[in-house]
Amino acid sequence: MIEQLRTIVGVELPPSIETIAPGESGEREGSTGRTGCASGTEARLLPPDERVLELLDAHGGRMWQQQVVAETGYSEGRVSNLLGEMEADGLVTRRWKGGQKVVSLPERGPES
């Protein structure tokens, strides 16, 4: 199949593509595919609410809402809506502090 692709497309494929057989994921045996804290590509595969919760956990349970925007790459509106839904579900709390919103895990609460 790789040879057919090479012929049809006319490009050289990287060796990594050639070495992975159909049905293989390329992960090492025994690997779960997850680490303690998702980052990089793996973080982008998480649902948005789980990604925010992992970010908060990695930052000690508290972040500025603008930090969430910067670190997720989501728009301000998307983050605001997402955090509003998460707050309604009791997953996070948001409080105003110094003209900005502080997002916290419920057990931490905003810094006084």
C-alpha atoms as a PDB file:
ATOM      1  CA  MET A   1       0.000   0.000   0.000  1.00  0.00           C
ATOM      2  CA  ILE A   2       2.848   2.400   0.820  1.00  0.00           C
ATOM      3  CA  GLU A   3       4.328   1.803  -2.612  1.00  0.00           C
ATOM      4  CA  GLN A   4       0.966   2.584  -4.243  1.00  0.00           C
ATOM      5  CA  LEU A   5       0.741   5.855  -2.313  1.00  0.00           C
ATOM      6  CA  ARG A   6       4.276   6.751  -3.318  1.00  0.00           C
ATOM      7  CA  THR A   7       3.453   6.111  -6.974  1.00  0.00           C
ATOM      8  CA  ILE A   8       0.113   7.951  -6.957  1.00  0.00           C
ATOM      9  CA  VAL A   9       1.162  10.961  -4.897  1.00  0.00           C
ATOM     10  CA  GLY A  10       4.740  11.089  -6.081  1.00  0.00           C
ATOM     11  CA  VAL A  11       6.208  12.070  -2.712  1.00  0.00           C
ATOM     12  CA  GLU A  12       8.683  10.420  -0.407  1.00  0.00           C
ATOM     13  CA  LEU A  13       7.047   9.302   2.840  1.00  0.00           C
ATOM     14  CA  PRO A  14       8.881   9.570   6.165  1.00  0.00           C
ATOM     15  CA  PRO A  15      10.274   6.276   7.492  1.00  0.00           C
ATOM     16  CA  SER A  16       7.971   6.412  10.532  1.00  0.00           C
ATOM     17  CA  ILE A  17       4.915   5.951   8.292  1.00  0.00           C
ATOM     18  CA  GLU A  18       6.444   2.964   6.560  1.00  0.00           C
ATOM     19  CA  THR A  19       7.316   1.168   9.798  1.00  0.00           C
ATOM     20  CA  ILE A  20       3.858   1.308  11.413  1.00  0.00           C
ATOM     21  CA  ALA A  21       1.739  -1.595  10.263  1.00  0.00           C
ATOM     22  CA  PRO A  22      -2.016  -1.201   9.823  1.00  0.00           C
ATOM     23  CA  GLY A  23      -3.772  -1.364  13.195  1.00  0.00           C
ATOM     24  CA  GLU A  24      -0.677  -0.322  15.153  1.00  0.00           C
ATOM     25  CA  SER A  25      -0.675   2.972  16.984  1.00  0.00           C
ATOM     26  CA  GLY A  26       3.068   3.406  17.216  1.00  0.00           C
ATOM     27  CA  GLU A  27       3.019   3.366  21.020  1.00  0.00           C
ATOM     28  CA  ARG A  28       5.435   1.259  22.997  1.00  0.00           C
ATOM     29  CA  GLU A  29       4.154  -1.951  24.484  1.00  0.00           C
ATOM     30  CA  GLY A  30       2.668  -1.397  27.926  1.00  0.00           C
ATOM     31  CA  SER A  31       2.153   2.307  27.318  1.00  0.00           C
ATOM     32  CA  THR A  32      -1.211   3.717  28.338  1.00  0.00           C
ATOM     33  CA  GLY A  33      -0.814   6.756  26.101  1.00  0.00           C
ATOM     34  CA  ARG A  34      -1.406   9.111  29.048  1.00  0.00           C
ATOM     35  CA  THR A  35       0.922  10.897  31.375  1.00  0.00           C
ATOM     36  CA  GLY A  36       0.218  12.506  34.725  1.00  0.00           C
ATOM     37  CA  CYS A  37      -0.450  15.887  33.161  1.00  0.00           C
ATOM     38  CA  ALA A  38      -1.593  16.303  29.598  1.00  0.00           C
ATOM     39  CA  SER A  39       0.457  18.678  27.514  1.00  0.00           C
ATOM     40  CA  GLY A  40       1.083  19.553  23.900  1.00  0.00           C
ATOM     41  CA  THR A  41      -0.857  17.475  21.400  1.00  0.00           C
ATOM     42  CA  GLU A  42      -2.323  15.229  24.088  1.00  0.00           C
ATOM     43  CA  ALA A  43      -3.857  18.235  25.856  1.00  0.00           C
ATOM     44  CA  ARG A  44      -5.549  19.317  22.644  1.00  0.00           C
ATOM     45  CA  LEU A  45      -7.255  15.918  22.466  1.00  0.00           C
ATOM     46  CA  LEU A  46      -8.936  16.391  25.834  1.00  0.00           C
ATOM     47  CA  PRO A  47     -12.475  17.767  26.000  1.00  0.00           C
ATOM     48  CA  PRO A  48     -12.353  21.521  26.765  1.00  0.00           C
ATOM     49  CA  ASP A  49     -13.654  21.212  30.330  1.00  0.00           C
ATOM     50  CA  GLU A  50     -11.117  18.494  31.212  1.00  0.00           C
ATOM     51  CA  ARG A  51      -8.356  20.572  29.667  1.00  0.00           C
ATOM     52  CA  VAL A  52      -9.270  23.551  31.860  1.00  0.00           C
ATOM     53  CA  LEU A  53      -9.417  21.346  34.966  1.00  0.00           C
ATOM     54  CA  GLU A  54      -5.945  19.943  34.211  1.00  0.00           C
ATOM     55  CA  LEU A  55      -4.597  23.469  33.677  1.00  0.00           C
ATOM     56  CA  LEU A  56      -6.052  24.602  36.984  1.00  0.00           C
ATOM     57  CA  ASP A  57      -4.592  21.580  38.742  1.00  0.00           C
ATOM     58  CA  ALA A  58      -1.177  22.249  37.197  1.00  0.00           C
ATOM     59  CA  HIS A  59      -1.354  25.872  38.419  1.00  0.00           C
ATOM     60  CA  GLY A  60      -2.193  25.033  42.007  1.00  0.00           C
ATOM     61  CA  GLY A  61      -5.959  25.220  41.552  1.00  0.00           C
ATOM     62  CA  ARG A  62      -6.172  28.904  40.661  1.00  0.00           C
ATOM     63  CA  MET A  63      -5.592  30.989  37.497  1.00  0.00           C
ATOM     64  CA  TRP A  64      -6.622  34.285  35.958  1.00  0.00           C
ATOM     65  CA  GLN A  65      -9.275  33.775  33.299  1.00  0.00           C
ATOM     66  CA  GLN A  66      -6.955  35.468  30.775  1.00  0.00           C
ATOM     67  CA  GLN A  67      -4.301  32.824  31.553  1.00  0.00           C
ATOM     68  CA  VAL A  68      -6.826  30.145  30.620  1.00  0.00           C
ATOM     69  CA  VAL A  69      -7.439  31.958  27.313  1.00  0.00           C
ATOM     70  CA  ALA A  70      -3.699  32.212  26.623  1.00  0.00           C
ATOM     71  CA  GLU A  71      -2.841  28.629  27.534  1.00  0.00           C
ATOM     72  CA  THR A  72      -5.759  26.937  25.778  1.00  0.00           C
ATOM     73  CA  GLY A  73      -5.710  29.072  22.635  1.00  0.00           C
ATOM     74  CA  TYR A  74      -9.498  29.347  22.839  1.00  0.00           C
ATOM     75  CA  SER A  75     -11.200  32.688  22.207  1.00  0.00           C
ATOM     76  CA  GLU A  76     -12.203  34.874  25.149  1.00  0.00           C
ATOM     77  CA  GLY A  77     -15.864  34.203  24.386  1.00  0.00           C
ATOM     78  CA  ARG A  78     -15.404  30.446  24.251  1.00  0.00           C
ATOM     79  CA  VAL A  79     -13.513  30.424  27.556  1.00  0.00           C
ATOM     80  CA  SER A  80     -16.117  32.664  29.190  1.00  0.00           C
ATOM     81  CA  ASN A  81     -18.981  30.415  28.044  1.00  0.00           C
ATOM     82  CA  LEU A  82     -17.109  27.238  28.978  1.00  0.00           C
ATOM     83  CA  LEU A  83     -16.236  28.530  32.441  1.00  0.00           C
ATOM     84  CA  GLY A  84     -19.826  29.709  32.935  1.00  0.00           C
ATOM     85  CA  GLU A  85     -21.079  26.185  32.204  1.00  0.00           C
ATOM     86  CA  MET A  86     -18.401  24.668  34.443  1.00  0.00           C
ATOM     87  CA  GLU A  87     -19.310  27.093  37.222  1.00  0.00           C
ATOM     88  CA  ALA A  88     -23.008  26.180  36.925  1.00  0.00           C
ATOM     89  CA  ASP A  89     -22.001  22.497  37.224  1.00  0.00           C
ATOM     90  CA  GLY A  90     -19.930  23.235  40.346  1.00  0.00           C
ATOM     91  CA  LEU A  91     -16.604  22.348  38.697  1.00  0.00           C
ATOM     92  CA  VAL A  92     -15.021  25.801  39.122  1.00  0.00           C
ATOM     93  CA  THR A  93     -15.683  29.112  40.834  1.00  0.00           C
ATOM     94  CA  ARG A  94     -15.038  32.567  39.371  1.00  0.00           C
ATOM     95  CA  ARG A  95     -14.627  35.784  41.320  1.00  0.00           C
ATOM     96  CA  TRP A  96     -13.647  39.319  40.359  1.00  0.00           C
ATOM     97  CA  LYS A  97     -10.318  40.504  41.737  1.00  0.00           C
ATOM     98  CA  GLY A  98      -8.586  43.680  40.652  1.00  0.00           C
ATOM     99  CA  GLY A  99     -10.649  44.041  37.494  1.00  0.00           C
ATOM    100  CA  GLN A 100     -10.013  40.464  36.348  1.00  0.00           C
ATOM    101  CA  LYS A 101     -11.659  37.137  37.021  1.00  0.00           C
ATOM    102  CA  VAL A 102      -9.889  34.497  39.075  1.00  0.00           C
ATOM    103  CA  VAL A 103     -10.875  30.938  38.192  1.00  0.00           C
ATOM    104  CA  SER A 104     -10.484  28.392  40.995  1.00  0.00           C
ATOM    105  CA  LEU A 105     -11.186  24.797  41.734  1.00  0.00           C
ATOM    106  CA  PRO A 106     -14.039  24.773  44.264  1.00  0.00           C
ATOM    107  CA  GLU A 107     -11.980  23.521  47.206  1.00  0.00           C
ATOM    108  CA  ARG A 108      -9.381  26.288  46.763  1.00  0.00           C
ATOM    109  CA  GLY A 109     -11.550  29.382  46.358  1.00  0.00           C
ATOM    110  CA  PRO A 110     -10.228  32.742  45.158  1.00  0.00           C
ATOM    111  CA  GLU A 111      -7.257  34.322  46.894  1.00  0.00           C
ATOM    112  CA  SER A 112      -8.280  37.008  49.382  1.00  0.00           C
END
